[in-house]
Structure formats: C-alpha cells, structure tokens
Amino acid sequence: CGRPVVAFATGGLPECVSDGSTGYLAPPFDTSQLAAGIARIIDDPTHRQMLGGAARSHSEQRFSARRLVPRFSSLYRELLEVQS
C-alpha cells in the first residue's frame, strides 16, 4: 500500500520490514522505541513518503505473486515427491 510499517521485531515482521528503510522495528515489548518510530513517520512527511515508497518496492520484489507462486509450486512438488 506504499505505507511505512512500525512494529515490534517479532515473528515474520523482520523479514517484511527493513528497519530504517521501509519502516521501523522496535525490540519486542519496547513501547518507547515503538512510539519513537511512529513519531518519526508522523513528524516528517517527506521521510514517511520515502519509507512508504521503499516499502512498496520491497514488498513487490519479495512478495509478489509472480515471485511466490513458482516458489510455492516447487515446494508442493517436492512435498508430493517425498510422500510418494
């Protein structure tokens, strides 16, 4: 959606968000860092747009159907071969 993400660095989020490039990641449960990341994108519209544009590009490159469908298809074929 072309929006920067501010989140805790847990689960799969570090794979999706590049800290300082596509948004901000805070250590788990560090609400001060989380709030600081939110404040950064609210206070600087130009920076927010830059992060958002980078987030969109990052997402399209890594998570588009064109990229993921062949990978999942390959994985499914491998799994079917293992079961045979």
PDB file of N, CA and C in Angstrom:
ATOM      1  N   CYS A   1       0.814  -1.223   0.000  1.00  0.00           N
ATOM      2  CA  CYS A   1       0.000   0.000   0.000  1.00  0.00           C
ATOM      3  C   CYS A   1       0.844   1.268   0.000  1.00  0.00           C
ATOM      4  N   GLY A   2       2.159   1.096  -0.020  1.00  0.00           N
ATOM      5  CA  GLY A   2       3.025   2.262  -0.044  1.00  0.00           C
ATOM      6  C   GLY A   2       3.069   3.005   1.273  1.00  0.00           C
ATOM      7  N   ARG A   3       2.924   2.283   2.345  1.00  0.00           N
ATOM      8  CA  ARG A   3       2.960   2.890   3.679  1.00  0.00           C
ATOM      9  C   ARG A   3       4.099   2.284   4.492  1.00  0.00           C
ATOM     10  N   PRO A   4       4.809   3.107   5.261  1.00  0.00           N
ATOM     11  CA  PRO A   4       5.831   2.532   6.137  1.00  0.00           C
ATOM     12  C   PRO A   4       5.171   1.772   7.281  1.00  0.00           C
ATOM     13  N   VAL A   5       5.888   0.796   7.803  1.00  0.00           N
ATOM     14  CA  VAL A   5       5.378  -0.017   8.902  1.00  0.00           C
ATOM     15  C   VAL A   5       6.230   0.245  10.137  1.00  0.00           C
ATOM     16  N   VAL A   6       5.569   0.398  11.265  1.00  0.00           N
ATOM     17  CA  VAL A   6       6.248   0.488  12.557  1.00  0.00           C
ATOM     18  C   VAL A   6       5.702  -0.661  13.385  1.00  0.00           C
ATOM     19  N   ALA A   7       6.608  -1.532  13.838  1.00  0.00           N
ATOM     20  CA  ALA A   7       6.157  -2.741  14.526  1.00  0.00           C
ATOM     21  C   ALA A   7       7.235  -3.253  15.462  1.00  0.00           C
ATOM     22  N   PHE A   8       6.843  -4.197  16.295  1.00  0.00           N
ATOM     23  CA  PHE A   8       7.827  -4.910  17.110  1.00  0.00           C
ATOM     24  C   PHE A   8       8.545  -5.928  16.229  1.00  0.00           C
ATOM     25  N   ALA A   9       9.808  -6.129  16.455  1.00  0.00           N
ATOM     26  CA  ALA A   9      10.628  -7.075  15.678  1.00  0.00           C
ATOM     27  C   ALA A   9      10.391  -8.491  16.181  1.00  0.00           C
ATOM     28  N   THR A  10       9.219  -9.022  15.868  1.00  0.00           N
ATOM     29  CA  THR A  10       8.868 -10.373  16.291  1.00  0.00           C
ATOM     30  C   THR A  10       8.279 -11.127  15.104  1.00  0.00           C
ATOM     31  N   GLY A  11       8.230 -12.436  15.228  1.00  0.00           N
ATOM     32  CA  GLY A  11       7.636 -13.261  14.188  1.00  0.00           C
ATOM     33  C   GLY A  11       8.275 -13.026  12.834  1.00  0.00           C
ATOM     34  N   GLY A  12       7.468 -12.905  11.820  1.00  0.00           N
ATOM     35  CA  GLY A  12       7.964 -12.715  10.468  1.00  0.00           C
ATOM     36  C   GLY A  12       8.164 -11.255  10.087  1.00  0.00           C
ATOM     37  N   LEU A  13       7.883 -10.330  10.987  1.00  0.00           N
ATOM     38  CA  LEU A  13       7.981  -8.914  10.646  1.00  0.00           C
ATOM     39  C   LEU A  13       9.382  -8.477  10.219  1.00  0.00           C
ATOM     40  N   PRO A  14      10.454  -8.950  10.847  1.00  0.00           N
ATOM     41  CA  PRO A  14      11.775  -8.550  10.363  1.00  0.00           C
ATOM     42  C   PRO A  14      12.058  -8.980   8.925  1.00  0.00           C
ATOM     43  N   GLU A  15      11.367 -10.000   8.444  1.00  0.00           N
ATOM     44  CA  GLU A  15      11.516 -10.407   7.049  1.00  0.00           C
ATOM     45  C   GLU A  15      10.796  -9.424   6.125  1.00  0.00           C
ATOM     46  N   CYS A  16       9.759  -8.802   6.630  1.00  0.00           N
ATOM     47  CA  CYS A  16       8.943  -7.902   5.815  1.00  0.00           C
ATOM     48  C   CYS A  16       9.353  -6.440   5.919  1.00  0.00           C
ATOM     49  N   VAL A  17       9.883  -6.041   7.055  1.00  0.00           N
ATOM     50  CA  VAL A  17      10.218  -4.642   7.303  1.00  0.00           C
ATOM     51  C   VAL A  17      11.725  -4.510   7.453  1.00  0.00           C
ATOM     52  N   SER A  18      12.302  -3.641   6.636  1.00  0.00           N
ATOM     53  CA  SER A  18      13.734  -3.354   6.737  1.00  0.00           C
ATOM     54  C   SER A  18      13.888  -2.101   7.600  1.00  0.00           C
ATOM     55  N   ASP A  19      14.370  -2.285   8.816  1.00  0.00           N
ATOM     56  CA  ASP A  19      14.439  -1.200   9.798  1.00  0.00           C
ATOM     57  C   ASP A  19      15.200   0.002   9.248  1.00  0.00           C
ATOM     58  N   GLY A  20      14.527   1.143   9.240  1.00  0.00           N
ATOM     59  CA  GLY A  20      15.123   2.372   8.767  1.00  0.00           C
ATOM     60  C   GLY A  20      14.998   2.579   7.264  1.00  0.00           C
ATOM     61  N   SER A  21      14.598   1.539   6.525  1.00  0.00           N
ATOM     62  CA  SER A  21      14.461   1.655   5.066  1.00  0.00           C
ATOM     63  C   SER A  21      13.014   1.595   4.603  1.00  0.00           C
ATOM     64  N   THR A  22      12.238   0.684   5.177  1.00  0.00           N
ATOM     65  CA  THR A  22      10.832   0.551   4.793  1.00  0.00           C
ATOM     66  C   THR A  22       9.899   0.831   5.973  1.00  0.00           C
ATOM     67  N   GLY A  23      10.469   1.131   7.109  1.00  0.00           N
ATOM     68  CA  GLY A  23       9.717   1.396   8.325  1.00  0.00           C
ATOM     69  C   GLY A  23      10.664   1.280   9.507  1.00  0.00           C
ATOM     70  N   TYR A  24      10.098   1.030  10.659  1.00  0.00           N
ATOM     71  CA  TYR A  24      10.912   0.911  11.867  1.00  0.00           C
ATOM     72  C   TYR A  24      10.493  -0.308  12.675  1.00  0.00           C
ATOM     73  N   LEU A  25      11.493  -0.999  13.188  1.00  0.00           N
ATOM     74  CA  LEU A  25      11.262  -2.142  14.063  1.00  0.00           C
ATOM     75  C   LEU A  25      11.770  -1.811  15.457  1.00  0.00           C
ATOM     76  N   ALA A  26      10.951  -2.103  16.439  1.00  0.00           N
ATOM     77  CA  ALA A  26      11.327  -1.905  17.836  1.00  0.00           C
ATOM     78  C   ALA A  26      11.543  -3.272  18.476  1.00  0.00           C
ATOM     79  N   PRO A  27      12.460  -3.349  19.429  1.00  0.00           N
ATOM     80  CA  PRO A  27      12.608  -4.617  20.145  1.00  0.00           C
ATOM     81  C   PRO A  27      11.278  -5.011  20.791  1.00  0.00           C
ATOM     82  N   PRO A  28      11.028  -6.316  20.897  1.00  0.00           N
ATOM     83  CA  PRO A  28       9.763  -6.758  21.498  1.00  0.00           C
ATOM     84  C   PRO A  28       9.496  -6.093  22.845  1.00  0.00           C
ATOM     85  N   PHE A  29       8.290  -5.620  23.011  1.00  0.00           N
ATOM     86  CA  PHE A  29       7.784  -5.002  24.243  1.00  0.00           C
ATOM     87  C   PHE A  29       8.411  -3.650  24.573  1.00  0.00           C
ATOM     88  N   ASP A  30       9.255  -3.094  23.710  1.00  0.00           N
ATOM     89  CA  ASP A  30       9.866  -1.781  23.955  1.00  0.00           C
ATOM     90  C   ASP A  30       8.940  -0.710  23.385  1.00  0.00           C
ATOM     91  N   THR A  31       7.959  -0.336  24.175  1.00  0.00           N
ATOM     92  CA  THR A  31       6.948   0.608  23.702  1.00  0.00           C
ATOM     93  C   THR A  31       7.530   1.994  23.448  1.00  0.00           C
ATOM     94  N   SER A  32       8.600   2.353  24.134  1.00  0.00           N
ATOM     95  CA  SER A  32       9.245   3.656  23.897  1.00  0.00           C
ATOM     96  C   SER A  32       9.823   3.711  22.489  1.00  0.00           C
ATOM     97  N   GLN A  33      10.496   2.645  22.071  1.00  0.00           N
ATOM     98  CA  GLN A  33      11.065   2.589  20.718  1.00  0.00           C
ATOM     99  C   GLN A  33       9.958   2.560  19.672  1.00  0.00           C
ATOM    100  N   LEU A  34       8.903   1.823  19.955  1.00  0.00           N
ATOM    101  CA  LEU A  34       7.775   1.755  19.032  1.00  0.00           C
ATOM    102  C   LEU A  34       7.178   3.156  18.848  1.00  0.00           C
ATOM    103  N   ALA A  35       6.961   3.852  19.952  1.00  0.00           N
ATOM    104  CA  ALA A  35       6.409   5.209  19.896  1.00  0.00           C
ATOM    105  C   ALA A  35       7.350   6.153  19.155  1.00  0.00           C
ATOM    106  N   ALA A  36       8.654   5.986  19.340  1.00  0.00           N
ATOM    107  CA  ALA A  36       9.625   6.840  18.646  1.00  0.00           C
ATOM    108  C   ALA A  36       9.546   6.624  17.137  1.00  0.00           C
ATOM    109  N   GLY A  37       9.384   5.382  16.702  1.00  0.00           N
ATOM    110  CA  GLY A  37       9.242   5.090  15.281  1.00  0.00           C
ATOM    111  C   GLY A  37       7.984   5.721  14.706  1.00  0.00           C
ATOM    112  N   ILE A  38       6.910   5.628  15.434  1.00  0.00           N
ATOM    113  CA  ILE A  38       5.648   6.232  14.991  1.00  0.00           C
ATOM    114  C   ILE A  38       5.803   7.745  14.892  1.00  0.00           C
ATOM    115  N   ALA A  39       6.426   8.346  15.902  1.00  0.00           N
ATOM    116  CA  ALA A  39       6.635   9.795  15.896  1.00  0.00           C
ATOM    117  C   ALA A  39       7.482  10.226  14.700  1.00  0.00           C
ATOM    118  N   ARG A  40       8.512   9.449  14.365  1.00  0.00           N
ATOM    119  CA  ARG A  40       9.368   9.796  13.225  1.00  0.00           C
ATOM    120  C   ARG A  40       8.577   9.886  11.923  1.00  0.00           C
ATOM    121  N   ILE A  41       7.685   8.929  11.709  1.00  0.00           N
ATOM    122  CA  ILE A  41       6.956   8.978  10.433  1.00  0.00           C
ATOM    123  C   ILE A  41       5.825  10.005  10.454  1.00  0.00           C
ATOM    124  N   ILE A  42       5.307  10.311  11.613  1.00  0.00           N
ATOM    125  CA  ILE A  42       4.270  11.341  11.699  1.00  0.00           C
ATOM    126  C   ILE A  42       4.880  12.726  11.520  1.00  0.00           C
ATOM    127  N   ASP A  43       6.027  12.947  12.128  1.00  0.00           N
ATOM    128  CA  ASP A  43       6.635  14.274  12.150  1.00  0.00           C
ATOM    129  C   ASP A  43       7.309  14.693  10.847  1.00  0.00           C
ATOM    130  N   ASP A  44       7.608  13.756   9.971  1.00  0.00           N
ATOM    131  CA  ASP A  44       8.347  14.089   8.753  1.00  0.00           C
ATOM    132  C   ASP A  44       7.664  13.487   7.524  1.00  0.00           C
ATOM    133  N   PRO A  45       6.757  14.246   6.902  1.00  0.00           N
ATOM    134  CA  PRO A  45       6.002  13.723   5.759  1.00  0.00           C
ATOM    135  C   PRO A  45       6.893  13.271   4.599  1.00  0.00           C
ATOM    136  N   THR A  46       7.974  13.985   4.345  1.00  0.00           N
ATOM    137  CA  THR A  46       8.875  13.599   3.249  1.00  0.00           C
ATOM    138  C   THR A  46       9.520  12.258   3.537  1.00  0.00           C
ATOM    139  N   HIS A  47       9.981  12.076   4.757  1.00  0.00           N
ATOM    140  CA  HIS A  47      10.598  10.805   5.170  1.00  0.00           C
ATOM    141  C   HIS A  47       9.561   9.683   5.125  1.00  0.00           C
ATOM    142  N   ARG A  48       8.345   9.978   5.560  1.00  0.00           N
ATOM    143  CA  ARG A  48       7.267   8.998   5.544  1.00  0.00           C
ATOM    144  C   ARG A  48       6.989   8.523   4.114  1.00  0.00           C
ATOM    145  N   GLN A  49       6.952   9.452   3.162  1.00  0.00           N
ATOM    146  CA  GLN A  49       6.727   9.086   1.761  1.00  0.00           C
ATOM    147  C   GLN A  49       7.881   8.259   1.213  1.00  0.00           C
ATOM    148  N   MET A  50       9.112   8.605   1.579  1.00  0.00           N
ATOM    149  CA  MET A  50      10.268   7.846   1.119  1.00  0.00           C
ATOM    150  C   MET A  50      10.216   6.415   1.650  1.00  0.00           C
ATOM    151  N   LEU A  51       9.933   6.262   2.944  1.00  0.00           N
ATOM    152  CA  LEU A  51       9.821   4.931   3.538  1.00  0.00           C
ATOM    153  C   LEU A  51       8.676   4.149   2.891  1.00  0.00           C
ATOM    154  N   GLY A  52       7.556   4.824   2.657  1.00  0.00           N
ATOM    155  CA  GLY A  52       6.404   4.164   2.050  1.00  0.00           C
ATOM    156  C   GLY A  52       6.707   3.673   0.642  1.00  0.00           C
ATOM    157  N   GLY A  53       7.388   4.485  -0.147  1.00  0.00           N
ATOM    158  CA  GLY A  53       7.772   4.070  -1.492  1.00  0.00           C
ATOM    159  C   GLY A  53       8.714   2.885  -1.470  1.00  0.00           C
ATOM    160  N   ALA A  54       9.670   2.932  -0.544  1.00  0.00           N
ATOM    161  CA  ALA A  54      10.611   1.816  -0.397  1.00  0.00           C
ATOM    162  C   ALA A  54       9.883   0.558   0.080  1.00  0.00           C
ATOM    163  N   ALA A  55       8.894   0.725   0.953  1.00  0.00           N
ATOM    164  CA  ALA A  55       8.124  -0.420   1.453  1.00  0.00           C
ATOM    165  C   ALA A  55       7.357  -1.087   0.315  1.00  0.00           C
ATOM    166  N   ARG A  56       6.780  -0.281  -0.543  1.00  0.00           N
ATOM    167  CA  ARG A  56       6.032  -0.836  -1.681  1.00  0.00           C
ATOM    168  C   ARG A  56       6.959  -1.600  -2.621  1.00  0.00           C
ATOM    169  N   SER A  57       8.094  -1.007  -2.950  1.00  0.00           N
ATOM    170  CA  SER A  57       9.070  -1.671  -3.825  1.00  0.00           C
ATOM    171  C   SER A  57       9.562  -2.972  -3.209  1.00  0.00           C
ATOM    172  N   HIS A  58       9.880  -2.921  -1.924  1.00  0.00           N
ATOM    173  CA  HIS A  58      10.369  -4.107  -1.207  1.00  0.00           C
ATOM    174  C   HIS A  58       9.323  -5.220  -1.252  1.00  0.00           C
ATOM    175  N   SER A  59       8.081  -4.858  -1.001  1.00  0.00           N
ATOM    176  CA  SER A  59       7.002  -5.842  -0.994  1.00  0.00           C
ATOM    177  C   SER A  59       6.790  -6.434  -2.385  1.00  0.00           C
ATOM    178  N   GLU A  60       6.792  -5.601  -3.407  1.00  0.00           N
ATOM    179  CA  GLU A  60       6.592  -6.095  -4.773  1.00  0.00           C
ATOM    180  C   GLU A  60       7.728  -7.030  -5.195  1.00  0.00           C
ATOM    181  N   GLN A  61       8.950  -6.708  -4.796  1.00  0.00           N
ATOM    182  CA  GLN A  61      10.102  -7.538  -5.169  1.00  0.00           C
ATOM    183  C   GLN A  61      10.104  -8.878  -4.445  1.00  0.00           C
ATOM    184  N   ARG A  62       9.729  -8.885  -3.188  1.00  0.00           N
ATOM    185  CA  ARG A  62       9.849 -10.100  -2.390  1.00  0.00           C
ATOM    186  C   ARG A  62       8.579 -10.923  -2.291  1.00  0.00           C
ATOM    187  N   PHE A  63       7.421 -10.293  -2.388  1.00  0.00           N
ATOM    188  CA  PHE A  63       6.182 -10.989  -2.062  1.00  0.00           C
ATOM    189  C   PHE A  63       5.128 -10.959  -3.170  1.00  0.00           C
ATOM    190  N   SER A  64       5.494 -10.592  -4.374  1.00  0.00           N
ATOM    191  CA  SER A  64       4.513 -10.565  -5.458  1.00  0.00           C
ATOM    192  C   SER A  64       4.129 -11.990  -5.845  1.00  0.00           C
ATOM    193  N   ALA A  65       2.956 -12.126  -6.436  1.00  0.00           N
ATOM    194  CA  ALA A  65       2.506 -13.445  -6.895  1.00  0.00           C
ATOM    195  C   ALA A  65       3.479 -14.001  -7.925  1.00  0.00           C
ATOM    196  N   ARG A  66       4.014 -13.143  -8.778  1.00  0.00           N
ATOM    197  CA  ARG A  66       4.964 -13.582  -9.803  1.00  0.00           C
ATOM    198  C   ARG A  66       6.193 -14.249  -9.166  1.00  0.00           C
ATOM    199  N   ARG A  67       6.570 -13.773  -8.020  1.00  0.00           N
ATOM    200  CA  ARG A  67       7.738 -14.345  -7.335  1.00  0.00           C
ATOM    201  C   ARG A  67       7.360 -15.551  -6.469  1.00  0.00           C
ATOM    202  N   LEU A  68       6.240 -15.464  -5.767  1.00  0.00           N
ATOM    203  CA  LEU A  68       5.895 -16.501  -4.794  1.00  0.00           C
ATOM    204  C   LEU A  68       5.261 -17.751  -5.389  1.00  0.00           C
ATOM    205  N   VAL A  69       4.427 -17.599  -6.410  1.00  0.00           N
ATOM    206  CA  VAL A  69       3.725 -18.764  -6.967  1.00  0.00           C
ATOM    207  C   VAL A  69       4.709 -19.834  -7.445  1.00  0.00           C
ATOM    208  N   PRO A  70       5.748 -19.494  -8.213  1.00  0.00           N
ATOM    209  CA  PRO A  70       6.689 -20.548  -8.622  1.00  0.00           C
ATOM    210  C   PRO A  70       7.401 -21.206  -7.428  1.00  0.00           C
ATOM    211  N   ARG A  71       7.697 -20.430  -6.407  1.00  0.00           N
ATOM    212  CA  ARG A  71       8.355 -20.998  -5.228  1.00  0.00           C
ATOM    213  C   ARG A  71       7.449 -21.969  -4.495  1.00  0.00           C
ATOM    214  N   PHE A  72       6.172 -21.597  -4.326  1.00  0.00           N
ATOM    215  CA  PHE A  72       5.231 -22.498  -3.668  1.00  0.00           C
ATOM    216  C   PHE A  72       4.976 -23.737  -4.515  1.00  0.00           C
ATOM    217  N   SER A  73       4.852 -23.553  -5.822  1.00  0.00           N
ATOM    218  CA  SER A  73       4.640 -24.699  -6.722  1.00  0.00           C
ATOM    219  C   SER A  73       5.793 -25.685  -6.601  1.00  0.00           C
ATOM    220  N   SER A  74       6.998 -25.174  -6.578  1.00  0.00           N
ATOM    221  CA  SER A  74       8.180 -26.029  -6.432  1.00  0.00           C
ATOM    222  C   SER A  74       8.160 -26.760  -5.091  1.00  0.00           C
ATOM    223  N   LEU A  75       7.816 -26.050  -4.050  1.00  0.00           N
ATOM    224  CA  LEU A  75       7.740 -26.657  -2.722  1.00  0.00           C
ATOM    225  C   LEU A  75       6.693 -27.765  -2.697  1.00  0.00           C
ATOM    226  N   TYR A  76       5.520 -27.502  -3.263  1.00  0.00           N
ATOM    227  CA  TYR A  76       4.467 -28.517  -3.290  1.00  0.00           C
ATOM    228  C   TYR A  76       4.901 -29.753  -4.072  1.00  0.00           C
ATOM    229  N   ARG A  77       5.594 -29.535  -5.203  1.00  0.00           N
ATOM    230  CA  ARG A  77       6.077 -30.683  -5.980  1.00  0.00           C
ATOM    231  C   ARG A  77       7.070 -31.502  -5.157  1.00  0.00           C
ATOM    232  N   GLU A  78       7.974 -30.825  -4.452  1.00  0.00           N
ATOM    233  CA  GLU A  78       8.934 -31.531  -3.592  1.00  0.00           C
ATOM    234  C   GLU A  78       8.218 -32.351  -2.525  1.00  0.00           C
ATOM    235  N   LEU A  79       7.207 -31.745  -1.905  1.00  0.00           N
ATOM    236  CA  LEU A  79       6.469 -32.453  -0.854  1.00  0.00           C
ATOM    237  C   LEU A  79       5.726 -33.661  -1.402  1.00  0.00           C
ATOM    238  N   LEU A  80       5.159 -33.520  -2.580  1.00  0.00           N
ATOM    239  CA  LEU A  80       4.474 -34.648  -3.195  1.00  0.00           C
ATOM    240  C   LEU A  80       5.446 -35.780  -3.520  1.00  0.00           C
ATOM    241  N   GLU A  81       6.662 -35.447  -3.941  1.00  0.00           N
ATOM    242  CA  GLU A  81       7.668 -36.459  -4.234  1.00  0.00           C
ATOM    243  C   GLU A  81       8.085 -37.189  -2.968  1.00  0.00           C
ATOM    244  N   VAL A  82       8.193 -36.467  -1.870  1.00  0.00           N
ATOM    245  CA  VAL A  82       8.585 -37.084  -0.597  1.00  0.00           C
ATOM    246  C   VAL A  82       7.524 -38.073  -0.146  1.00  0.00           C
ATOM    247  N   GLN A  83       6.250 -37.736  -0.358  1.00  0.00           N
ATOM    248  CA  GLN A  83       5.154 -38.612   0.072  1.00  0.00           C
ATOM    249  C   GLN A  83       5.031 -39.856  -0.798  1.00  0.00           C
ATOM    250  N   SER A  84       5.517 -39.796  -2.020  1.00  0.00           N
ATOM    251  CA  SER A  84       5.386 -40.951  -2.947  1.00  0.00           C
ATOM    252  C   SER A  84       6.319 -42.069  -2.611  1.00  0.00           C
TER     253      SER A  84
END
